[in-house]
PDB file of all heavy atoms in Angstrom:
ATOM      1  N   ASP A   1     -18.206 -12.529  -3.728  1.00  0.00           N
ATOM      2  CA  ASP A   1     -18.583 -12.964  -5.075  1.00  0.00           C
ATOM      3  C   ASP A   1     -17.380 -13.312  -5.952  1.00  0.00           C
ATOM      4  O   ASP A   1     -17.543 -13.906  -7.014  1.00  0.00           O
ATOM      5  CB  ASP A   1     -19.447 -11.902  -5.758  1.00  0.00           C
ATOM      6  CG  ASP A   1     -18.751 -10.560  -5.865  1.00  0.00           C
ATOM      7  OD1 ASP A   1     -18.033 -10.176  -4.913  1.00  0.00           O
ATOM      8  OD2 ASP A   1     -18.921  -9.885  -6.892  1.00  0.00           O
ATOM      9  N   LEU A   2     -16.168 -12.945  -5.514  1.00  0.00           N
ATOM     10  CA  LEU A   2     -14.973 -13.290  -6.287  1.00  0.00           C
ATOM     11  C   LEU A   2     -14.606 -14.751  -6.064  1.00  0.00           C
ATOM     12  O   LEU A   2     -14.696 -15.243  -4.940  1.00  0.00           O
ATOM     13  CB  LEU A   2     -13.778 -12.422  -5.874  1.00  0.00           C
ATOM     14  CG  LEU A   2     -13.788 -10.967  -6.275  1.00  0.00           C
ATOM     15  CD1 LEU A   2     -12.551 -10.271  -5.725  1.00  0.00           C
ATOM     16  CD2 LEU A   2     -13.845 -10.813  -7.772  1.00  0.00           C
ATOM     17  N   PRO A   3     -14.161 -15.442  -7.111  1.00  0.00           N
ATOM     18  CA  PRO A   3     -13.681 -16.811  -6.904  1.00  0.00           C
ATOM     19  C   PRO A   3     -12.511 -16.794  -5.910  1.00  0.00           C
ATOM     20  O   PRO A   3     -11.665 -15.889  -5.953  1.00  0.00           O
ATOM     21  CB  PRO A   3     -13.207 -17.246  -8.295  1.00  0.00           C
ATOM     22  CG  PRO A   3     -13.894 -16.322  -9.253  1.00  0.00           C
ATOM     23  CD  PRO A   3     -14.101 -15.029  -8.514  1.00  0.00           C
ATOM     24  N   GLU A   4     -12.461 -17.761  -5.028  1.00  0.00           N
ATOM     25  CA  GLU A   4     -11.444 -17.801  -3.970  1.00  0.00           C
ATOM     26  C   GLU A   4     -10.014 -17.691  -4.512  1.00  0.00           C
ATOM     27  O   GLU A   4      -9.219 -16.922  -3.967  1.00  0.00           O
ATOM     28  CB  GLU A   4     -11.607 -19.059  -3.117  1.00  0.00           C
ATOM     29  CG  GLU A   4     -10.638 -19.143  -1.961  1.00  0.00           C
ATOM     30  CD  GLU A   4     -10.750 -18.010  -0.957  1.00  0.00           C
ATOM     31  OE1 GLU A   4     -11.847 -17.444  -0.809  1.00  0.00           O
ATOM     32  OE2 GLU A   4      -9.723 -17.694  -0.322  1.00  0.00           O
ATOM     33  N   PRO A   5      -9.654 -18.407  -5.572  1.00  0.00           N
ATOM     34  CA  PRO A   5      -8.269 -18.268  -6.064  1.00  0.00           C
ATOM     35  C   PRO A   5      -7.955 -16.851  -6.562  1.00  0.00           C
ATOM     36  O   PRO A   5      -6.846 -16.357  -6.376  1.00  0.00           O
ATOM     37  CB  PRO A   5      -8.192 -19.267  -7.223  1.00  0.00           C
ATOM     38  CG  PRO A   5      -9.279 -20.254  -6.954  1.00  0.00           C
ATOM     39  CD  PRO A   5     -10.370 -19.472  -6.278  1.00  0.00           C
ATOM     40  N   VAL A   6      -8.918 -16.205  -7.174  1.00  0.00           N
ATOM     41  CA  VAL A   6      -8.721 -14.832  -7.650  1.00  0.00           C
ATOM     42  C   VAL A   6      -8.555 -13.895  -6.457  1.00  0.00           C
ATOM     43  O   VAL A   6      -7.640 -13.057  -6.420  1.00  0.00           O
ATOM     44  CB  VAL A   6      -9.896 -14.372  -8.543  1.00  0.00           C
ATOM     45  CG1 VAL A   6      -9.805 -12.884  -8.861  1.00  0.00           C
ATOM     46  CG2 VAL A   6      -9.948 -15.197  -9.822  1.00  0.00           C
ATOM     47  N   LEU A   7      -9.393 -14.026  -5.463  1.00  0.00           N
ATOM     48  CA  LEU A   7      -9.303 -13.180  -4.273  1.00  0.00           C
ATOM     49  C   LEU A   7      -7.979 -13.397  -3.563  1.00  0.00           C
ATOM     50  O   LEU A   7      -7.315 -12.432  -3.163  1.00  0.00           O
ATOM     51  CB  LEU A   7     -10.478 -13.449  -3.328  1.00  0.00           C
ATOM     52  CG  LEU A   7     -10.504 -12.619  -2.052  1.00  0.00           C
ATOM     53  CD1 LEU A   7     -10.473 -11.127  -2.346  1.00  0.00           C
ATOM     54  CD2 LEU A   7     -11.711 -12.980  -1.219  1.00  0.00           C
ATOM     55  N   GLU A   8      -7.564 -14.634  -3.409  1.00  0.00           N
ATOM     56  CA  GLU A   8      -6.292 -14.927  -2.728  1.00  0.00           C
ATOM     57  C   GLU A   8      -5.124 -14.302  -3.482  1.00  0.00           C
ATOM     58  O   GLU A   8      -4.230 -13.715  -2.877  1.00  0.00           O
ATOM     59  CB  GLU A   8      -6.097 -16.438  -2.595  1.00  0.00           C
ATOM     60  CG  GLU A   8      -4.911 -16.814  -1.742  1.00  0.00           C
ATOM     61  CD  GLU A   8      -4.942 -16.231  -0.343  1.00  0.00           C
ATOM     62  OE1 GLU A   8      -6.030 -16.168   0.279  1.00  0.00           O
ATOM     63  OE2 GLU A   8      -3.856 -15.822   0.144  1.00  0.00           O
ATOM     64  N   GLN A   9      -5.141 -14.395  -4.794  1.00  0.00           N
ATOM     65  CA  GLN A   9      -4.082 -13.789  -5.606  1.00  0.00           C
ATOM     66  C   GLN A   9      -4.075 -12.271  -5.442  1.00  0.00           C
ATOM     67  O   GLN A   9      -3.022 -11.652  -5.279  1.00  0.00           O
ATOM     68  CB  GLN A   9      -4.279 -14.169  -7.068  1.00  0.00           C
ATOM     69  CG  GLN A   9      -3.154 -13.720  -7.970  1.00  0.00           C
ATOM     70  CD  GLN A   9      -3.365 -14.201  -9.382  1.00  0.00           C
ATOM     71  OE1 GLN A   9      -4.454 -14.038  -9.940  1.00  0.00           O
ATOM     72  NE2 GLN A   9      -2.348 -14.807  -9.963  1.00  0.00           N
ATOM     73  N   ARG A  10      -5.239 -11.664  -5.445  1.00  0.00           N
ATOM     74  CA  ARG A  10      -5.319 -10.211  -5.283  1.00  0.00           C
ATOM     75  C   ARG A  10      -4.867  -9.774  -3.895  1.00  0.00           C
ATOM     76  O   ARG A  10      -4.220  -8.737  -3.738  1.00  0.00           O
ATOM     77  CB  ARG A  10      -6.741  -9.715  -5.567  1.00  0.00           C
ATOM     78  CG  ARG A  10      -7.088  -9.815  -7.044  1.00  0.00           C
ATOM     79  CD  ARG A  10      -8.482  -9.313  -7.332  1.00  0.00           C
ATOM     80  NE  ARG A  10      -8.829  -9.514  -8.737  1.00  0.00           N
ATOM     81  CZ  ARG A  10      -9.918  -9.039  -9.300  1.00  0.00           C
ATOM     82  NH1 ARG A  10     -10.793  -8.347  -8.582  1.00  0.00           N
ATOM     83  NH2 ARG A  10     -10.160  -9.258 -10.584  1.00  0.00           N
ATOM     84  N   LEU A  11      -5.187 -10.565  -2.873  1.00  0.00           N
ATOM     85  CA  LEU A  11      -4.740 -10.226  -1.514  1.00  0.00           C
ATOM     86  C   LEU A  11      -3.221 -10.333  -1.393  1.00  0.00           C
ATOM     87  O   LEU A  11      -2.590  -9.523  -0.710  1.00  0.00           O
ATOM     88  CB  LEU A  11      -5.437 -11.109  -0.483  1.00  0.00           C
ATOM     89  CG  LEU A  11      -6.918 -10.806  -0.260  1.00  0.00           C
ATOM     90  CD1 LEU A  11      -7.540 -11.853   0.658  1.00  0.00           C
ATOM     91  CD2 LEU A  11      -7.112  -9.408   0.307  1.00  0.00           C
ATOM     92  N   ARG A  12      -2.612 -11.313  -2.051  1.00  0.00           N
ATOM     93  CA  ARG A  12      -1.146 -11.416  -2.052  1.00  0.00           C
ATOM     94  C   ARG A  12      -0.539 -10.195  -2.738  1.00  0.00           C
ATOM     95  O   ARG A  12       0.442  -9.625  -2.263  1.00  0.00           O
ATOM     96  CB  ARG A  12      -0.688 -12.694  -2.746  1.00  0.00           C
ATOM     97  CG  ARG A  12      -0.777 -13.927  -1.865  1.00  0.00           C
ATOM     98  CD  ARG A  12       0.017 -15.100  -2.424  1.00  0.00           C
ATOM     99  NE  ARG A  12      -0.264 -15.386  -3.827  1.00  0.00           N
ATOM    100  CZ  ARG A  12      -1.239 -16.176  -4.263  1.00  0.00           C
ATOM    101  NH1 ARG A  12      -2.044 -16.771  -3.399  1.00  0.00           N
ATOM    102  NH2 ARG A  12      -1.408 -16.389  -5.549  1.00  0.00           N
ATOM    103  N   MET A  13      -1.119  -9.795  -3.871  1.00  0.00           N
ATOM    104  CA  MET A  13      -0.624  -8.610  -4.579  1.00  0.00           C
ATOM    105  C   MET A  13      -0.771  -7.367  -3.706  1.00  0.00           C
ATOM    106  O   MET A  13       0.117  -6.502  -3.680  1.00  0.00           O
ATOM    107  CB  MET A  13      -1.374  -8.414  -5.900  1.00  0.00           C
ATOM    108  CG  MET A  13      -0.951  -9.370  -6.973  1.00  0.00           C
ATOM    109  SD  MET A  13      -1.675  -8.944  -8.569  1.00  0.00           S
ATOM    110  CE  MET A  13      -3.273  -9.740  -8.447  1.00  0.00           C
ATOM    111  N   LEU A  14      -1.881  -7.268  -2.997  1.00  0.00           N
ATOM    112  CA  LEU A  14      -2.115  -6.124  -2.120  1.00  0.00           C
ATOM    113  C   LEU A  14      -0.989  -5.996  -1.100  1.00  0.00           C
ATOM    114  O   LEU A  14      -0.462  -4.911  -0.877  1.00  0.00           O
ATOM    115  CB  LEU A  14      -3.464  -6.268  -1.406  1.00  0.00           C
ATOM    116  CG  LEU A  14      -3.744  -5.302  -0.253  1.00  0.00           C
ATOM    117  CD1 LEU A  14      -3.711  -3.860  -0.722  1.00  0.00           C
ATOM    118  CD2 LEU A  14      -5.062  -5.635   0.390  1.00  0.00           C
ATOM    119  N   GLY A  15      -0.619  -7.101  -0.478  1.00  0.00           N
ATOM    120  CA  GLY A  15       0.465  -7.065   0.507  1.00  0.00           C
ATOM    121  C   GLY A  15       1.768  -6.568  -0.098  1.00  0.00           C
ATOM    122  O   GLY A  15       2.466  -5.722   0.485  1.00  0.00           O
ATOM    123  N   LEU A  16       2.090  -7.059  -1.275  1.00  0.00           N
ATOM    124  CA  LEU A  16       3.331  -6.641  -1.940  1.00  0.00           C
ATOM    125  C   LEU A  16       3.289  -5.167  -2.325  1.00  0.00           C
ATOM    126  O   LEU A  16       4.245  -4.424  -2.103  1.00  0.00           O
ATOM    127  CB  LEU A  16       3.567  -7.493  -3.190  1.00  0.00           C
ATOM    128  CG  LEU A  16       3.909  -8.953  -2.933  1.00  0.00           C
ATOM    129  CD1 LEU A  16       3.898  -9.741  -4.236  1.00  0.00           C
ATOM    130  CD2 LEU A  16       5.251  -9.062  -2.250  1.00  0.00           C
ATOM    131  N   VAL A  17       2.179  -4.740  -2.892  1.00  0.00           N
ATOM    132  CA  VAL A  17       2.049  -3.345  -3.313  1.00  0.00           C
ATOM    133  C   VAL A  17       2.128  -2.417  -2.099  1.00  0.00           C
ATOM    134  O   VAL A  17       2.792  -1.373  -2.145  1.00  0.00           O
ATOM    135  CB  VAL A  17       0.735  -3.127  -4.103  1.00  0.00           C
ATOM    136  CG1 VAL A  17       0.468  -1.656  -4.339  1.00  0.00           C
ATOM    137  CG2 VAL A  17       0.794  -3.879  -5.420  1.00  0.00           C
ATOM    138  N   LEU A  18       1.500  -2.782  -1.010  1.00  0.00           N
ATOM    139  CA  LEU A  18       1.531  -1.950   0.194  1.00  0.00           C
ATOM    140  C   LEU A  18       2.955  -1.795   0.718  1.00  0.00           C
ATOM    141  O   LEU A  18       3.419  -0.676   0.966  1.00  0.00           O
ATOM    142  CB  LEU A  18       0.631  -2.544   1.285  1.00  0.00           C
ATOM    143  CG  LEU A  18       0.720  -1.869   2.652  1.00  0.00           C
ATOM    144  CD1 LEU A  18       0.338  -0.402   2.553  1.00  0.00           C
ATOM    145  CD2 LEU A  18      -0.149  -2.592   3.646  1.00  0.00           C
ATOM    146  N   VAL A  19       3.663  -2.896   0.880  1.00  0.00           N
ATOM    147  CA  VAL A  19       5.019  -2.837   1.432  1.00  0.00           C
ATOM    148  C   VAL A  19       5.939  -2.030   0.513  1.00  0.00           C
ATOM    149  O   VAL A  19       6.676  -1.149   0.968  1.00  0.00           O
ATOM    150  CB  VAL A  19       5.576  -4.262   1.659  1.00  0.00           C
ATOM    151  CG1 VAL A  19       7.065  -4.236   1.953  1.00  0.00           C
ATOM    152  CG2 VAL A  19       4.822  -4.940   2.789  1.00  0.00           C
ATOM    153  N   HIS A  20       5.872  -2.283  -0.775  1.00  0.00           N
ATOM    154  CA  HIS A  20       6.755  -1.584  -1.701  1.00  0.00           C
ATOM    155  C   HIS A  20       6.405  -0.096  -1.820  1.00  0.00           C
ATOM    156  O   HIS A  20       7.299   0.751  -1.920  1.00  0.00           O
ATOM    157  CB  HIS A  20       6.741  -2.261  -3.074  1.00  0.00           C
ATOM    158  CG  HIS A  20       7.483  -3.551  -3.071  1.00  0.00           C
ATOM    159  ND1 HIS A  20       8.848  -3.628  -3.170  1.00  0.00           N
ATOM    160  CD2 HIS A  20       7.044  -4.821  -2.935  1.00  0.00           C
ATOM    161  CE1 HIS A  20       9.222  -4.887  -3.110  1.00  0.00           C
ATOM    162  NE2 HIS A  20       8.139  -5.638  -2.967  1.00  0.00           N
ATOM    163  N   THR A  21       5.124   0.235  -1.797  1.00  0.00           N
ATOM    164  CA  THR A  21       4.718   1.637  -1.877  1.00  0.00           C
ATOM    165  C   THR A  21       5.158   2.403  -0.630  1.00  0.00           C
ATOM    166  O   THR A  21       5.730   3.495  -0.741  1.00  0.00           O
ATOM    167  CB  THR A  21       3.191   1.752  -2.069  1.00  0.00           C
ATOM    168  OG1 THR A  21       2.830   1.077  -3.270  1.00  0.00           O
ATOM    169  CG2 THR A  21       2.750   3.208  -2.152  1.00  0.00           C
ATOM    170  N   ALA A  22       4.909   1.837   0.533  1.00  0.00           N
ATOM    171  CA  ALA A  22       5.313   2.503   1.773  1.00  0.00           C
ATOM    172  C   ALA A  22       6.832   2.656   1.837  1.00  0.00           C
ATOM    173  O   ALA A  22       7.346   3.732   2.204  1.00  0.00           O
ATOM    174  CB  ALA A  22       4.801   1.717   2.976  1.00  0.00           C
ATOM    175  N   ALA A  23       7.562   1.616   1.455  1.00  0.00           N
ATOM    176  CA  ALA A  23       9.022   1.685   1.481  1.00  0.00           C
ATOM    177  C   ALA A  23       9.544   2.731   0.502  1.00  0.00           C
ATOM    178  O   ALA A  23      10.492   3.473   0.813  1.00  0.00           O
ATOM    179  CB  ALA A  23       9.616   0.318   1.162  1.00  0.00           C
ATOM    180  N   ASP A  24       8.936   2.807  -0.664  1.00  0.00           N
ATOM    181  CA  ASP A  24       9.362   3.792  -1.660  1.00  0.00           C
ATOM    182  C   ASP A  24       9.156   5.213  -1.149  1.00  0.00           C
ATOM    183  O   ASP A  24      10.040   6.069  -1.286  1.00  0.00           O
ATOM    184  CB  ASP A  24       8.603   3.568  -2.970  1.00  0.00           C
ATOM    185  CG  ASP A  24       9.061   4.509  -4.058  1.00  0.00           C
ATOM    186  OD1 ASP A  24      10.276   4.523  -4.361  1.00  0.00           O
ATOM    187  OD2 ASP A  24       8.217   5.231  -4.617  1.00  0.00           O
ATOM    188  N   HIS A  25       8.019   5.474  -0.548  1.00  0.00           N
ATOM    189  CA  HIS A  25       7.759   6.821  -0.023  1.00  0.00           C
ATOM    190  C   HIS A  25       8.695   7.144   1.141  1.00  0.00           C
ATOM    191  O   HIS A  25       9.174   8.275   1.263  1.00  0.00           O
ATOM    192  CB  HIS A  25       6.298   6.971   0.385  1.00  0.00           C
ATOM    193  CG  HIS A  25       5.392   7.125  -0.790  1.00  0.00           C
ATOM    194  ND1 HIS A  25       5.284   8.296  -1.497  1.00  0.00           N
ATOM    195  CD2 HIS A  25       4.573   6.236  -1.415  1.00  0.00           C
ATOM    196  CE1 HIS A  25       4.434   8.144  -2.500  1.00  0.00           C
ATOM    197  NE2 HIS A  25       3.992   6.895  -2.461  1.00  0.00           N
ATOM    198  N   GLU A  26       8.972   6.170   1.969  1.00  0.00           N
ATOM    199  CA  GLU A  26       9.892   6.411   3.083  1.00  0.00           C
ATOM    200  C   GLU A  26      11.304   6.673   2.563  1.00  0.00           C
ATOM    201  O   GLU A  26      11.997   7.578   3.028  1.00  0.00           O
ATOM    202  CB  GLU A  26       9.896   5.220   4.035  1.00  0.00           C
ATOM    203  CG  GLU A  26      10.722   5.475   5.273  1.00  0.00           C
ATOM    204  CD  GLU A  26      10.535   4.419   6.329  1.00  0.00           C
ATOM    205  OE1 GLU A  26       9.409   3.934   6.501  1.00  0.00           O
ATOM    206  OE2 GLU A  26      11.537   4.092   6.976  1.00  0.00           O
ATOM    207  N   ARG A  27      11.727   5.887   1.581  1.00  0.00           N
ATOM    208  CA  ARG A  27      13.062   6.048   1.003  1.00  0.00           C
ATOM    209  C   ARG A  27      13.233   7.446   0.402  1.00  0.00           C
ATOM    210  O   ARG A  27      14.273   8.071   0.517  1.00  0.00           O
ATOM    211  CB  ARG A  27      13.307   4.984  -0.068  1.00  0.00           C
ATOM    212  CG  ARG A  27      14.663   5.064  -0.750  1.00  0.00           C
ATOM    213  CD  ARG A  27      14.804   4.076  -1.898  1.00  0.00           C
ATOM    214  NE  ARG A  27      13.740   4.161  -2.883  1.00  0.00           N
ATOM    215  CZ  ARG A  27      13.653   5.078  -3.848  1.00  0.00           C
ATOM    216  NH1 ARG A  27      14.564   6.018  -3.951  1.00  0.00           N
ATOM    217  NH2 ARG A  27      12.656   5.064  -4.710  1.00  0.00           N
ATOM    218  N   ARG A  28      12.180   7.950  -0.231  1.00  0.00           N
ATOM    219  CA  ARG A  28      12.236   9.272  -0.859  1.00  0.00           C
ATOM    220  C   ARG A  28      12.004  10.410   0.131  1.00  0.00           C
ATOM    221  O   ARG A  28      12.093  11.576  -0.238  1.00  0.00           O
ATOM    222  CB  ARG A  28      11.209   9.365  -1.988  1.00  0.00           C
ATOM    223  CG  ARG A  28      11.577   8.480  -3.158  1.00  0.00           C
ATOM    224  CD  ARG A  28      10.682   8.701  -4.350  1.00  0.00           C
ATOM    225  NE  ARG A  28       9.319   8.272  -4.075  1.00  0.00           N
ATOM    226  CZ  ARG A  28       8.243   8.818  -4.630  1.00  0.00           C
ATOM    227  NH1 ARG A  28       8.356   9.812  -5.465  1.00  0.00           N
ATOM    228  NH2 ARG A  28       7.048   8.353  -4.350  1.00  0.00           N
ATOM    229  N   GLY A  29      11.673  10.066   1.358  1.00  0.00           N
ATOM    230  CA  GLY A  29      11.434  11.102   2.359  1.00  0.00           C
ATOM    231  C   GLY A  29      10.082  11.761   2.223  1.00  0.00           C
ATOM    232  O   GLY A  29       9.900  12.905   2.653  1.00  0.00           O
ATOM    233  N   ASP A  30       9.130  11.055   1.641  1.00  0.00           N
ATOM    234  CA  ASP A  30       7.786  11.606   1.441  1.00  0.00           C
ATOM    235  C   ASP A  30       6.911  11.519   2.687  1.00  0.00           C
ATOM    236  O   ASP A  30       5.737  11.825   2.622  1.00  0.00           O
ATOM    237  CB  ASP A  30       7.058  10.854   0.315  1.00  0.00           C
ATOM    238  CG  ASP A  30       7.623  11.170  -1.052  1.00  0.00           C
ATOM    239  OD1 ASP A  30       8.441  12.097  -1.170  1.00  0.00           O
ATOM    240  OD2 ASP A  30       7.245  10.465  -2.005  1.00  0.00           O
ATOM    241  N   THR A  31       7.459  11.094   3.777  1.00  0.00           N
ATOM    242  CA  THR A  31       6.649  10.948   4.989  1.00  0.00           C
ATOM    243  C   THR A  31       6.861  12.165   5.884  1.00  0.00           C
ATOM    244  O   THR A  31       7.947  12.718   5.967  1.00  0.00           O
ATOM    245  CB  THR A  31       7.034   9.669   5.761  1.00  0.00           C
ATOM    246  OG1 THR A  31       8.429   9.713   6.070  1.00  0.00           O
ATOM    247  CG2 THR A  31       6.757   8.435   4.926  1.00  0.00           C
ATOM    248  N   SER A  32       5.806  12.597   6.503  1.00  0.00           N
ATOM    249  CA  SER A  32       5.867  13.708   7.444  1.00  0.00           C
ATOM    250  C   SER A  32       5.329  13.236   8.776  1.00  0.00           C
ATOM    251  O   SER A  32       4.187  12.772   8.848  1.00  0.00           O
ATOM    252  CB  SER A  32       5.022  14.884   6.947  1.00  0.00           C
ATOM    253  OG  SER A  32       5.496  15.348   5.714  1.00  0.00           O
ATOM    254  N   PRO A  33       6.133  13.329   9.833  1.00  0.00           N
ATOM    255  CA  PRO A  33       5.644  12.909  11.147  1.00  0.00           C
ATOM    256  C   PRO A  33       4.362  13.653  11.523  1.00  0.00           C
ATOM    257  O   PRO A  33       4.242  14.851  11.288  1.00  0.00           O
ATOM    258  CB  PRO A  33       6.784  13.283  12.099  1.00  0.00           C
ATOM    259  CG  PRO A  33       7.988  13.390  11.224  1.00  0.00           C
ATOM    260  CD  PRO A  33       7.482  13.845   9.873  1.00  0.00           C
ATOM    261  N   GLY A  34       3.412  12.929  12.010  1.00  0.00           N
ATOM    262  CA  GLY A  34       2.154  13.528  12.438  1.00  0.00           C
ATOM    263  C   GLY A  34       1.139  13.722  11.333  1.00  0.00           C
ATOM    264  O   GLY A  34       0.007  14.098  11.595  1.00  0.00           O
ATOM    265  N   GLU A  35       1.541  13.487  10.097  1.00  0.00           N
ATOM    266  CA  GLU A  35       0.600  13.609   8.980  1.00  0.00           C
ATOM    267  C   GLU A  35      -0.287  12.371   8.978  1.00  0.00           C
ATOM    268  O   GLU A  35       0.189  11.262   8.826  1.00  0.00           O
ATOM    269  CB  GLU A  35       1.370  13.709   7.663  1.00  0.00           C
ATOM    270  CG  GLU A  35       0.493  13.959   6.466  1.00  0.00           C
ATOM    271  CD  GLU A  35       1.315  14.006   5.179  1.00  0.00           C
ATOM    272  OE1 GLU A  35       2.404  13.439   5.128  1.00  0.00           O
ATOM    273  OE2 GLU A  35       0.827  14.621   4.234  1.00  0.00           O
ATOM    274  N   ASP A  36      -1.585  12.563   9.182  1.00  0.00           N
ATOM    275  CA  ASP A  36      -2.488  11.425   9.332  1.00  0.00           C
ATOM    276  C   ASP A  36      -3.725  11.612   8.478  1.00  0.00           C
ATOM    277  O   ASP A  36      -4.541  12.471   8.783  1.00  0.00           O
ATOM    278  CB  ASP A  36      -2.877  11.275  10.802  1.00  0.00           C
ATOM    279  CG  ASP A  36      -3.621   9.990  11.070  1.00  0.00           C
ATOM    280  OD1 ASP A  36      -3.387   9.012  10.345  1.00  0.00           O
ATOM    281  OD2 ASP A  36      -4.440   9.966  12.004  1.00  0.00           O
ATOM    282  N   PRO A  37      -3.930  10.880   7.436  1.00  0.00           N
ATOM    283  CA  PRO A  37      -3.021   9.871   6.889  1.00  0.00           C
ATOM    284  C   PRO A  37      -1.949  10.528   6.036  1.00  0.00           C
ATOM    285  O   PRO A  37      -2.088  11.695   5.643  1.00  0.00           O
ATOM    286  CB  PRO A  37      -3.939   9.013   6.023  1.00  0.00           C
ATOM    287  CG  PRO A  37      -4.973   9.964   5.535  1.00  0.00           C
ATOM    288  CD  PRO A  37      -5.170  10.945   6.683  1.00  0.00           C
ATOM    289  N   PRO A  38      -0.868   9.785   5.729  1.00  0.00           N
ATOM    290  CA  PRO A  38       0.149  10.347   4.835  1.00  0.00           C
ATOM    291  C   PRO A  38      -0.491  10.735   3.499  1.00  0.00           C
ATOM    292  O   PRO A  38      -1.469  10.115   3.068  1.00  0.00           O
ATOM    293  CB  PRO A  38       1.136   9.200   4.642  1.00  0.00           C
ATOM    294  CG  PRO A  38       0.865   8.234   5.744  1.00  0.00           C
ATOM    295  CD  PRO A  38      -0.563   8.428   6.142  1.00  0.00           C
ATOM    296  N   ALA A  39       0.057  11.731   2.839  1.00  0.00           N
ATOM    297  CA  ALA A  39      -0.521  12.236   1.591  1.00  0.00           C
ATOM    298  C   ALA A  39      -0.667  11.145   0.538  1.00  0.00           C
ATOM    299  O   ALA A  39      -1.605  11.168  -0.256  1.00  0.00           O
ATOM    300  CB  ALA A  39       0.341  13.371   1.055  1.00  0.00           C
ATOM    301  N   TRP A  40       0.230  10.179   0.519  1.00  0.00           N
ATOM    302  CA  TRP A  40       0.165   9.127  -0.498  1.00  0.00           C
ATOM    303  C   TRP A  40      -0.891   8.073  -0.178  1.00  0.00           C
ATOM    304  O   TRP A  40      -1.265   7.291  -1.054  1.00  0.00           O
ATOM    305  CB  TRP A  40       1.527   8.453  -0.670  1.00  0.00           C
ATOM    306  CG  TRP A  40       2.067   7.809   0.565  1.00  0.00           C
ATOM    307  CD1 TRP A  40       2.906   8.371   1.479  1.00  0.00           C
ATOM    308  CD2 TRP A  40       1.807   6.482   1.029  1.00  0.00           C
ATOM    309  NE1 TRP A  40       3.173   7.480   2.484  1.00  0.00           N
ATOM    310  CE2 TRP A  40       2.513   6.305   2.234  1.00  0.00           C
ATOM    311  CE3 TRP A  40       1.033   5.425   0.553  1.00  0.00           C
ATOM    312  CZ2 TRP A  40       2.485   5.125   2.964  1.00  0.00           C
ATOM    313  CZ3 TRP A  40       1.009   4.241   1.287  1.00  0.00           C
ATOM    314  CH2 TRP A  40       1.727   4.099   2.474  1.00  0.00           C
ATOM    315  N   ALA A  41      -1.405   8.045   1.034  1.00  0.00           N
ATOM    316  CA  ALA A  41      -2.320   6.973   1.449  1.00  0.00           C
ATOM    317  C   ALA A  41      -3.676   7.056   0.745  1.00  0.00           C
ATOM    318  O   ALA A  41      -4.257   6.016   0.417  1.00  0.00           O
ATOM    319  CB  ALA A  41      -2.511   7.000   2.957  1.00  0.00           C
ATOM    320  N   VAL A  42      -4.191   8.242   0.514  1.00  0.00           N
ATOM    321  CA  VAL A  42      -5.522   8.372  -0.088  1.00  0.00           C
ATOM    322  C   VAL A  42      -5.540   7.823  -1.518  1.00  0.00           C
ATOM    323  O   VAL A  42      -6.383   6.979  -1.843  1.00  0.00           O
ATOM    324  CB  VAL A  42      -6.035   9.822  -0.007  1.00  0.00           C
ATOM    325  CG1 VAL A  42      -7.336   9.981  -0.763  1.00  0.00           C
ATOM    326  CG2 VAL A  42      -6.194  10.233   1.457  1.00  0.00           C
ATOM    327  N   PRO A  43      -4.613   8.241  -2.393  1.00  0.00           N
ATOM    328  CA  PRO A  43      -4.624   7.632  -3.724  1.00  0.00           C
ATOM    329  C   PRO A  43      -4.274   6.147  -3.694  1.00  0.00           C
ATOM    330  O   PRO A  43      -4.739   5.383  -4.542  1.00  0.00           O
ATOM    331  CB  PRO A  43      -3.587   8.433  -4.525  1.00  0.00           C
ATOM    332  CG  PRO A  43      -2.846   9.257  -3.551  1.00  0.00           C
ATOM    333  CD  PRO A  43      -3.651   9.337  -2.307  1.00  0.00           C
ATOM    334  N   PHE A  44      -3.490   5.733  -2.719  1.00  0.00           N
ATOM    335  CA  PHE A  44      -3.173   4.308  -2.581  1.00  0.00           C
ATOM    336  C   PHE A  44      -4.439   3.507  -2.290  1.00  0.00           C
ATOM    337  O   PHE A  44      -4.679   2.463  -2.894  1.00  0.00           O
ATOM    338  CB  PHE A  44      -2.130   4.090  -1.478  1.00  0.00           C
ATOM    339  CG  PHE A  44      -1.815   2.643  -1.255  1.00  0.00           C
ATOM    340  CD1 PHE A  44      -0.945   1.980  -2.102  1.00  0.00           C
ATOM    341  CD2 PHE A  44      -2.398   1.931  -0.219  1.00  0.00           C
ATOM    342  CE1 PHE A  44      -0.664   0.634  -1.922  1.00  0.00           C
ATOM    343  CE2 PHE A  44      -2.126   0.599  -0.034  1.00  0.00           C
ATOM    344  CZ  PHE A  44      -1.252  -0.053  -0.889  1.00  0.00           C
TER     345      PHE A  44
END
């Protein structure tokens, strides 16, 4: 139901937010091996 240009813009933002959020948590050491899903994933 979303207009195609709006959806495309939101999907581009999603990609950027995902990469930057994951990189930020990794940089800060917020990742724990074997933690599935990572603690930050649910609010994300």
